Amino acid sequence: NAYTMQMNNLKPEDTAVYYCKGRLLGKNSWGQG
């Protein structure tokens, strides 16, 4: 339950707020962004 997303060769269009979402037994939980 610990994950990392490595982002390489980033482009200006990748600019955003990124949110992680975990799903367990049909329920979603979101990170703070």
ModelCIF file with pLDDT and N, C-alpha, C, O atoms, coordinates in Angstrom:
data_MODEL
#
_entry.id   MODEL 
#
_entity.id                         1 
_entity.type                       polymer 
_entity.pdbx_number_of_molecules   1 
#
_entity_poly.entity_id                      1 
_entity_poly.type                           'polypeptide(L)' 
_entity_poly.nstd_linkage                   no 
_entity_poly.nstd_monomer                   no 
_entity_poly.pdbx_seq_one_letter_code       NAYTMQMNNLKPEDTAVYYCKGRLLGKNSWGQG 
_entity_poly.pdbx_seq_one_letter_code_can   NAYTMQMNNLKPEDTAVYYCKGRLLGKNSWGQG 
_entity_poly.pdbx_strand_id                 A 
#
loop_
_entity_poly_seq.entity_id 
_entity_poly_seq.num 
_entity_poly_seq.mon_id 
_entity_poly_seq.hetero 
1 1  ASN n 
1 2  ALA n 
1 3  TYR n 
1 4  THR n 
1 5  MET n 
1 6  GLN n 
1 7  MET n 
1 8  ASN n 
1 9  ASN n 
1 10 LEU n 
1 11 LYS n 
1 12 PRO n 
1 13 GLU n 
1 14 ASP n 
1 15 THR n 
1 16 ALA n 
1 17 VAL n 
1 18 TYR n 
1 19 TYR n 
1 20 CYS n 
1 21 LYS n 
1 22 GLY n 
1 23 ARG n 
1 24 LEU n 
1 25 LEU n 
1 26 GLY n 
1 27 LYS n 
1 28 ASN n 
1 29 SER n 
1 30 TRP n 
1 31 GLY n 
1 32 GLN n 
1 33 GLY n 
#
_struct_asym.id          A 
_struct_asym.entity_id   1 
#
loop_
_ma_qa_metric.id 
_ma_qa_metric.mode 
_ma_qa_metric.name 
_ma_qa_metric.software_group_id 
_ma_qa_metric.type 
1 global pLDDT . pLDDT 
2 local  pLDDT . pLDDT 
#
_ma_qa_metric_global.metric_id      1 
_ma_qa_metric_global.metric_value   97.21 
_ma_qa_metric_global.model_id       1 
_ma_qa_metric_global.ordinal_id     1 
#
loop_
_ma_qa_metric_local.label_asym_id 
_ma_qa_metric_local.label_comp_id 
_ma_qa_metric_local.label_seq_id 
_ma_qa_metric_local.metric_id 
_ma_qa_metric_local.metric_value 
_ma_qa_metric_local.model_id 
_ma_qa_metric_local.ordinal_id 
A ASN 1  2 95.00 1 1  
A ALA 2  2 96.00 1 2  
A TYR 3  2 97.00 1 3  
A THR 4  2 97.00 1 4  
A MET 5  2 98.00 1 5  
A GLN 6  2 98.00 1 6  
A MET 7  2 98.00 1 7  
A ASN 8  2 98.00 1 8  
A ASN 9  2 98.00 1 9  
A LEU 10 2 98.00 1 10 
A LYS 11 2 98.00 1 11 
A PRO 12 2 97.00 1 12 
A GLU 13 2 97.00 1 13 
A ASP 14 2 98.00 1 14 
A THR 15 2 98.00 1 15 
A ALA 16 2 98.00 1 16 
A VAL 17 2 98.00 1 17 
A TYR 18 2 98.00 1 18 
A TYR 19 2 98.00 1 19 
A CYS 20 2 98.00 1 20 
A LYS 21 2 98.00 1 21 
A GLY 22 2 97.00 1 22 
A ARG 23 2 97.00 1 23 
A LEU 24 2 96.00 1 24 
A LEU 25 2 95.00 1 25 
A GLY 26 2 95.00 1 26 
A LYS 27 2 96.00 1 27 
A ASN 28 2 97.00 1 28 
A SER 29 2 97.00 1 29 
A TRP 30 2 98.00 1 30 
A GLY 31 2 97.00 1 31 
A GLN 32 2 97.00 1 32 
A GLY 33 2 97.00 1 33 
#
loop_
_atom_site.group_PDB 
_atom_site.id 
_atom_site.type_symbol 
_atom_site.label_atom_id 
_atom_site.label_alt_id 
_atom_site.label_comp_id 
_atom_site.label_asym_id 
_atom_site.label_entity_id 
_atom_site.label_seq_id 
_atom_site.pdbx_PDB_ins_code 
_atom_site.Cartn_x 
_atom_site.Cartn_y 
_atom_site.Cartn_z 
_atom_site.occupancy 
_atom_site.B_iso_or_equiv 
_atom_site.pdbx_formal_charge 
_atom_site.auth_seq_id 
_atom_site.auth_comp_id 
_atom_site.auth_asym_id 
_atom_site.auth_atom_id 
_atom_site.pdbx_PDB_model_num 
ATOM 1   N N  . ASN A 1 1  ? 0.792   -1.229 0.000   1.00 95.00 ? 1  ASN A N  1 
ATOM 2   C CA . ASN A 1 1  ? 0.000   0.000  0.000   1.00 95.00 ? 1  ASN A CA 1 
ATOM 3   C C  . ASN A 1 1  ? 0.826   1.282  0.000   1.00 95.00 ? 1  ASN A C  1 
ATOM 4   O O  . ASN A 1 1  ? 0.381   2.320  0.490   1.00 95.00 ? 1  ASN A O  1 
ATOM 5   N N  . ALA A 1 2  ? 2.045   1.196  -0.560  1.00 96.00 ? 2  ALA A N  1 
ATOM 6   C CA . ALA A 1 2  ? 2.875   2.390  -0.755  1.00 96.00 ? 2  ALA A CA 1 
ATOM 7   C C  . ALA A 1 2  ? 3.372   2.372  -2.190  1.00 96.00 ? 2  ALA A C  1 
ATOM 8   O O  . ALA A 1 2  ? 4.010   1.413  -2.623  1.00 96.00 ? 2  ALA A O  1 
ATOM 9   N N  . TYR A 1 3  ? 3.080   3.422  -2.915  1.00 97.00 ? 3  TYR A N  1 
ATOM 10  C CA . TYR A 1 3  ? 3.343   3.448  -4.345  1.00 97.00 ? 3  TYR A CA 1 
ATOM 11  C C  . TYR A 1 3  ? 4.065   4.731  -4.723  1.00 97.00 ? 3  TYR A C  1 
ATOM 12  O O  . TYR A 1 3  ? 3.935   5.763  -4.066  1.00 97.00 ? 3  TYR A O  1 
ATOM 13  N N  . THR A 1 4  ? 4.829   4.632  -5.802  1.00 97.00 ? 4  THR A N  1 
ATOM 14  C CA . THR A 1 4  ? 5.499   5.792  -6.360  1.00 97.00 ? 4  THR A CA 1 
ATOM 15  C C  . THR A 1 4  ? 5.262   5.828  -7.861  1.00 97.00 ? 4  THR A C  1 
ATOM 16  O O  . THR A 1 4  ? 5.368   4.813  -8.549  1.00 97.00 ? 4  THR A O  1 
ATOM 17  N N  . MET A 1 5  ? 4.940   7.008  -8.353  1.00 98.00 ? 5  MET A N  1 
ATOM 18  C CA . MET A 1 5  ? 4.847   7.198  -9.796  1.00 98.00 ? 5  MET A CA 1 
ATOM 19  C C  . MET A 1 5  ? 6.027   8.075  -10.215 1.00 98.00 ? 5  MET A C  1 
ATOM 20  O O  . MET A 1 5  ? 6.114   9.251  -9.862  1.00 98.00 ? 5  MET A O  1 
ATOM 21  N N  . GLN A 1 6  ? 6.924   7.465  -10.973 1.00 98.00 ? 6  GLN A N  1 
ATOM 22  C CA . GLN A 1 6  ? 8.091   8.176  -11.488 1.00 98.00 ? 6  GLN A CA 1 
ATOM 23  C C  . GLN A 1 6  ? 7.709   8.817  -12.814 1.00 98.00 ? 6  GLN A C  1 
ATOM 24  O O  . GLN A 1 6  ? 7.229   8.138  -13.721 1.00 98.00 ? 6  GLN A O  1 
ATOM 25  N N  . MET A 1 7  ? 7.919   10.096 -12.924 1.00 98.00 ? 7  MET A N  1 
ATOM 26  C CA . MET A 1 7  ? 7.533   10.837 -14.122 1.00 98.00 ? 7  MET A CA 1 
ATOM 27  C C  . MET A 1 7  ? 8.794   11.380 -14.793 1.00 98.00 ? 7  MET A C  1 
ATOM 28  O O  . MET A 1 7  ? 9.503   12.216 -14.232 1.00 98.00 ? 7  MET A O  1 
ATOM 29  N N  . ASN A 1 8  ? 9.056   10.892 -15.993 1.00 98.00 ? 8  ASN A N  1 
ATOM 30  C CA . ASN A 1 8  ? 10.259  11.264 -16.735 1.00 98.00 ? 8  ASN A CA 1 
ATOM 31  C C  . ASN A 1 8  ? 9.893   12.067 -17.983 1.00 98.00 ? 8  ASN A C  1 
ATOM 32  O O  . ASN A 1 8  ? 8.755   12.040 -18.451 1.00 98.00 ? 8  ASN A O  1 
ATOM 33  N N  . ASN A 1 9  ? 10.887  12.780 -18.504 1.00 98.00 ? 9  ASN A N  1 
ATOM 34  C CA . ASN A 1 9  ? 10.692  13.570 -19.717 1.00 98.00 ? 9  ASN A CA 1 
ATOM 35  C C  . ASN A 1 9  ? 9.425   14.423 -19.614 1.00 98.00 ? 9  ASN A C  1 
ATOM 36  O O  . ASN A 1 9  ? 8.580   14.418 -20.509 1.00 98.00 ? 9  ASN A O  1 
ATOM 37  N N  . LEU A 1 10 ? 9.319   15.140 -18.524 1.00 98.00 ? 10 LEU A N  1 
ATOM 38  C CA . LEU A 1 10 ? 8.121   15.937 -18.288 1.00 98.00 ? 10 LEU A CA 1 
ATOM 39  C C  . LEU A 1 10 ? 7.997   17.072 -19.287 1.00 98.00 ? 10 LEU A C  1 
ATOM 40  O O  . LEU A 1 10 ? 8.988   17.637 -19.749 1.00 98.00 ? 10 LEU A O  1 
ATOM 41  N N  . LYS A 1 11 ? 6.755   17.386 -19.606 1.00 98.00 ? 11 LYS A N  1 
ATOM 42  C CA . LYS A 1 11 ? 6.438   18.436 -20.577 1.00 98.00 ? 11 LYS A CA 1 
ATOM 43  C C  . LYS A 1 11 ? 5.594   19.508 -19.895 1.00 98.00 ? 11 LYS A C  1 
ATOM 44  O O  . LYS A 1 11 ? 4.940   19.230 -18.890 1.00 98.00 ? 11 LYS A O  1 
ATOM 45  N N  . PRO A 1 12 ? 5.600   20.704 -20.419 1.00 97.00 ? 12 PRO A N  1 
ATOM 46  C CA . PRO A 1 12 ? 4.776   21.763 -19.816 1.00 97.00 ? 12 PRO A CA 1 
ATOM 47  C C  . PRO A 1 12 ? 3.304   21.360 -19.696 1.00 97.00 ? 12 PRO A C  1 
ATOM 48  O O  . PRO A 1 12 ? 2.619   21.785 -18.765 1.00 97.00 ? 12 PRO A O  1 
ATOM 49  N N  . GLU A 1 13 ? 2.822   20.554 -20.620 1.00 97.00 ? 13 GLU A N  1 
ATOM 50  C CA . GLU A 1 13 ? 1.414   20.137 -20.560 1.00 97.00 ? 13 GLU A CA 1 
ATOM 51  C C  . GLU A 1 13 ? 1.145   19.124 -19.449 1.00 97.00 ? 13 GLU A C  1 
ATOM 52  O O  . GLU A 1 13 ? -0.008  18.763 -19.210 1.00 97.00 ? 13 GLU A O  1 
ATOM 53  N N  . ASP A 1 14 ? 2.187   18.663 -18.773 1.00 98.00 ? 14 ASP A N  1 
ATOM 54  C CA . ASP A 1 14 ? 2.005   17.797 -17.608 1.00 98.00 ? 14 ASP A CA 1 
ATOM 55  C C  . ASP A 1 14 ? 1.721   18.608 -16.344 1.00 98.00 ? 14 ASP A C  1 
ATOM 56  O O  . ASP A 1 14 ? 1.426   18.041 -15.293 1.00 98.00 ? 14 ASP A O  1 
ATOM 57  N N  . THR A 1 15 ? 1.810   19.915 -16.446 1.00 98.00 ? 15 THR A N  1 
ATOM 58  C CA . THR A 1 15 ? 1.528   20.776 -15.296 1.00 98.00 ? 15 THR A CA 1 
ATOM 59  C C  . THR A 1 15 ? 0.092   20.582 -14.832 1.00 98.00 ? 15 THR A C  1 
ATOM 60  O O  . THR A 1 15 ? -0.849  20.740 -15.611 1.00 98.00 ? 15 THR A O  1 
ATOM 61  N N  . ALA A 1 16 ? -0.070  20.239 -13.559 1.00 98.00 ? 16 ALA A N  1 
ATOM 62  C CA . ALA A 1 16 ? -1.398  19.948 -13.018 1.00 98.00 ? 16 ALA A CA 1 
ATOM 63  C C  . ALA A 1 16 ? -1.270  19.633 -11.529 1.00 98.00 ? 16 ALA A C  1 
ATOM 64  O O  . ALA A 1 16 ? -0.170  19.507 -10.991 1.00 98.00 ? 16 ALA A O  1 
ATOM 65  N N  . VAL A 1 17 ? -2.416  19.513 -10.889 1.00 98.00 ? 17 VAL A N  1 
ATOM 66  C CA . VAL A 1 17 ? -2.465  18.926 -9.549  1.00 98.00 ? 17 VAL A CA 1 
ATOM 67  C C  . VAL A 1 17 ? -2.764  17.450 -9.732  1.00 98.00 ? 17 VAL A C  1 
ATOM 68  O O  . VAL A 1 17 ? -3.721  17.077 -10.411 1.00 98.00 ? 17 VAL A O  1 
ATOM 69  N N  . TYR A 1 18 ? -1.950  16.627 -9.131  1.00 98.00 ? 18 TYR A N  1 
ATOM 70  C CA . TYR A 1 18 ? -2.074  15.189 -9.261  1.00 98.00 ? 18 TYR A CA 1 
ATOM 71  C C  . TYR A 1 18 ? -2.678  14.606 -7.982  1.00 98.00 ? 18 TYR A C  1 
ATOM 72  O O  . TYR A 1 18 ? -2.279  14.957 -6.872  1.00 98.00 ? 18 TYR A O  1 
ATOM 73  N N  . TYR A 1 19 ? -3.641  13.714 -8.165  1.00 98.00 ? 19 TYR A N  1 
ATOM 74  C CA . TYR A 1 19 ? -4.325  13.064 -7.050  1.00 98.00 ? 19 TYR A CA 1 
ATOM 75  C C  . TYR A 1 19 ? -4.188  11.557 -7.174  1.00 98.00 ? 19 TYR A C  1 
ATOM 76  O O  . TYR A 1 19 ? -4.341  11.007 -8.265  1.00 98.00 ? 19 TYR A O  1 
ATOM 77  N N  . CYS A 1 20 ? -3.904  10.887 -6.074  1.00 98.00 ? 20 CYS A N  1 
ATOM 78  C CA . CYS A 1 20 ? -3.948  9.433  -6.110  1.00 98.00 ? 20 CYS A CA 1 
ATOM 79  C C  . CYS A 1 20 ? -5.292  8.983  -5.534  1.00 98.00 ? 20 CYS A C  1 
ATOM 80  O O  . CYS A 1 20 ? -5.882  9.632  -4.669  1.00 98.00 ? 20 CYS A O  1 
ATOM 81  N N  . LYS A 1 21 ? -5.735  7.867  -6.043  1.00 98.00 ? 21 LYS A N  1 
ATOM 82  C CA . LYS A 1 21 ? -6.998  7.295  -5.601  1.00 98.00 ? 21 LYS A CA 1 
ATOM 83  C C  . LYS A 1 21 ? -6.776  5.829  -5.317  1.00 98.00 ? 21 LYS A C  1 
ATOM 84  O O  . LYS A 1 21 ? -6.268  5.093  -6.163  1.00 98.00 ? 21 LYS A O  1 
ATOM 85  N N  . GLY A 1 22 ? -7.155  5.406  -4.131  1.00 97.00 ? 22 GLY A N  1 
ATOM 86  C CA . GLY A 1 22 ? -7.075  3.993  -3.772  1.00 97.00 ? 22 GLY A CA 1 
ATOM 87  C C  . GLY A 1 22 ? -8.465  3.394  -3.734  1.00 97.00 ? 22 GLY A C  1 
ATOM 88  O O  . GLY A 1 22 ? -9.417  4.013  -3.257  1.00 97.00 ? 22 GLY A O  1 
ATOM 89  N N  . ARG A 1 23 ? -8.563  2.183  -4.242  1.00 97.00 ? 23 ARG A N  1 
ATOM 90  C CA . ARG A 1 23 ? -9.865  1.521  -4.249  1.00 97.00 ? 23 ARG A CA 1 
ATOM 91  C C  . ARG A 1 23 ? -9.757  0.228  -3.445  1.00 97.00 ? 23 ARG A C  1 
ATOM 92  O O  . ARG A 1 23 ? -8.842  -0.570 -3.648  1.00 97.00 ? 23 ARG A O  1 
ATOM 93  N N  . LEU A 1 24 ? -10.691 0.038  -2.544  1.00 96.00 ? 24 LEU A N  1 
ATOM 94  C CA . LEU A 1 24 ? -10.697 -1.156 -1.710  1.00 96.00 ? 24 LEU A CA 1 
ATOM 95  C C  . LEU A 1 24 ? -12.132 -1.554 -1.429  1.00 96.00 ? 24 LEU A C  1 
ATOM 96  O O  . LEU A 1 24 ? -12.915 -0.775 -0.885  1.00 96.00 ? 24 LEU A O  1 
ATOM 97  N N  . LEU A 1 25 ? -12.462 -2.776 -1.808  1.00 95.00 ? 25 LEU A N  1 
ATOM 98  C CA . LEU A 1 25 ? -13.802 -3.329 -1.565  1.00 95.00 ? 25 LEU A CA 1 
ATOM 99  C C  . LEU A 1 25 ? -14.896 -2.393 -2.059  1.00 95.00 ? 25 LEU A C  1 
ATOM 100 O O  . LEU A 1 25 ? -15.907 -2.187 -1.387  1.00 95.00 ? 25 LEU A O  1 
ATOM 101 N N  . GLY A 1 26 ? -14.683 -1.842 -3.220  1.00 95.00 ? 26 GLY A N  1 
ATOM 102 C CA . GLY A 1 26 ? -15.707 -1.023 -3.847  1.00 95.00 ? 26 GLY A CA 1 
ATOM 103 C C  . GLY A 1 26 ? -15.750 0.429  -3.406  1.00 95.00 ? 26 GLY A C  1 
ATOM 104 O O  . GLY A 1 26 ? -16.579 1.200  -3.890  1.00 95.00 ? 26 GLY A O  1 
ATOM 105 N N  . LYS A 1 27 ? -14.865 0.810  -2.492  1.00 96.00 ? 27 LYS A N  1 
ATOM 106 C CA . LYS A 1 27 ? -14.858 2.193  -2.015  1.00 96.00 ? 27 LYS A CA 1 
ATOM 107 C C  . LYS A 1 27 ? -13.580 2.894  -2.447  1.00 96.00 ? 27 LYS A C  1 
ATOM 108 O O  . LYS A 1 27 ? -12.494 2.313  -2.459  1.00 96.00 ? 27 LYS A O  1 
ATOM 109 N N  . ASN A 1 28 ? -13.746 4.155  -2.799  1.00 97.00 ? 28 ASN A N  1 
ATOM 110 C CA . ASN A 1 28 ? -12.608 4.967  -3.233  1.00 97.00 ? 28 ASN A CA 1 
ATOM 111 C C  . ASN A 1 28 ? -12.176 5.928  -2.129  1.00 97.00 ? 28 ASN A C  1 
ATOM 112 O O  . ASN A 1 28 ? -12.999 6.491  -1.408  1.00 97.00 ? 28 ASN A O  1 
ATOM 113 N N  . SER A 1 29 ? -10.884 6.094  -2.023  1.00 97.00 ? 29 SER A N  1 
ATOM 114 C CA . SER A 1 29 ? -10.317 7.104  -1.125  1.00 97.00 ? 29 SER A CA 1 
ATOM 115 C C  . SER A 1 29 ? -9.326  7.933  -1.924  1.00 97.00 ? 29 SER A C  1 
ATOM 116 O O  . SER A 1 29 ? -8.614  7.406  -2.778  1.00 97.00 ? 29 SER A O  1 
ATOM 117 N N  . TRP A 1 30 ? -9.281  9.230  -1.646  1.00 98.00 ? 30 TRP A N  1 
ATOM 118 C CA . TRP A 1 30 ? -8.439  10.141 -2.421  1.00 98.00 ? 30 TRP A CA 1 
ATOM 119 C C  . TRP A 1 30 ? -7.354  10.779 -1.551  1.00 98.00 ? 30 TRP A C  1 
ATOM 120 O O  . TRP A 1 30 ? -7.551  11.053 -0.367  1.00 98.00 ? 30 TRP A O  1 
ATOM 121 N N  . GLY A 1 31 ? -6.222  11.000 -2.176  1.00 97.00 ? 31 GLY A N  1 
ATOM 122 C CA . GLY A 1 31 ? -5.174  11.767 -1.533  1.00 97.00 ? 31 GLY A CA 1 
ATOM 123 C C  . GLY A 1 31 ? -5.495  13.248 -1.608  1.00 97.00 ? 31 GLY A C  1 
ATOM 124 O O  . GLY A 1 31 ? -6.475  13.662 -2.226  1.00 97.00 ? 31 GLY A O  1 
ATOM 125 N N  . GLN A 1 32 ? -4.645  14.037 -0.963  1.00 97.00 ? 32 GLN A N  1 
ATOM 126 C CA . GLN A 1 32 ? -4.929  15.475 -0.852  1.00 97.00 ? 32 GLN A CA 1 
ATOM 127 C C  . GLN A 1 32 ? -4.519  16.258 -2.092  1.00 97.00 ? 32 GLN A C  1 
ATOM 128 O O  . GLN A 1 32 ? -4.860  17.432 -2.235  1.00 97.00 ? 32 GLN A O  1 
ATOM 129 N N  . GLY A 1 33 ? -3.793  15.609 -2.979  1.00 97.00 ? 33 GLY A N  1 
ATOM 130 C CA . GLY A 1 33 ? -3.336  16.290 -4.190  1.00 97.00 ? 33 GLY A CA 1 
ATOM 131 C C  . GLY A 1 33 ? -1.960  16.900 -4.005  1.00 97.00 ? 33 GLY A C  1 
ATOM 132 O O  . GLY A 1 33 ? -1.426  17.512 -4.930  1.00 97.00 ? 33 GLY A O  1 
#
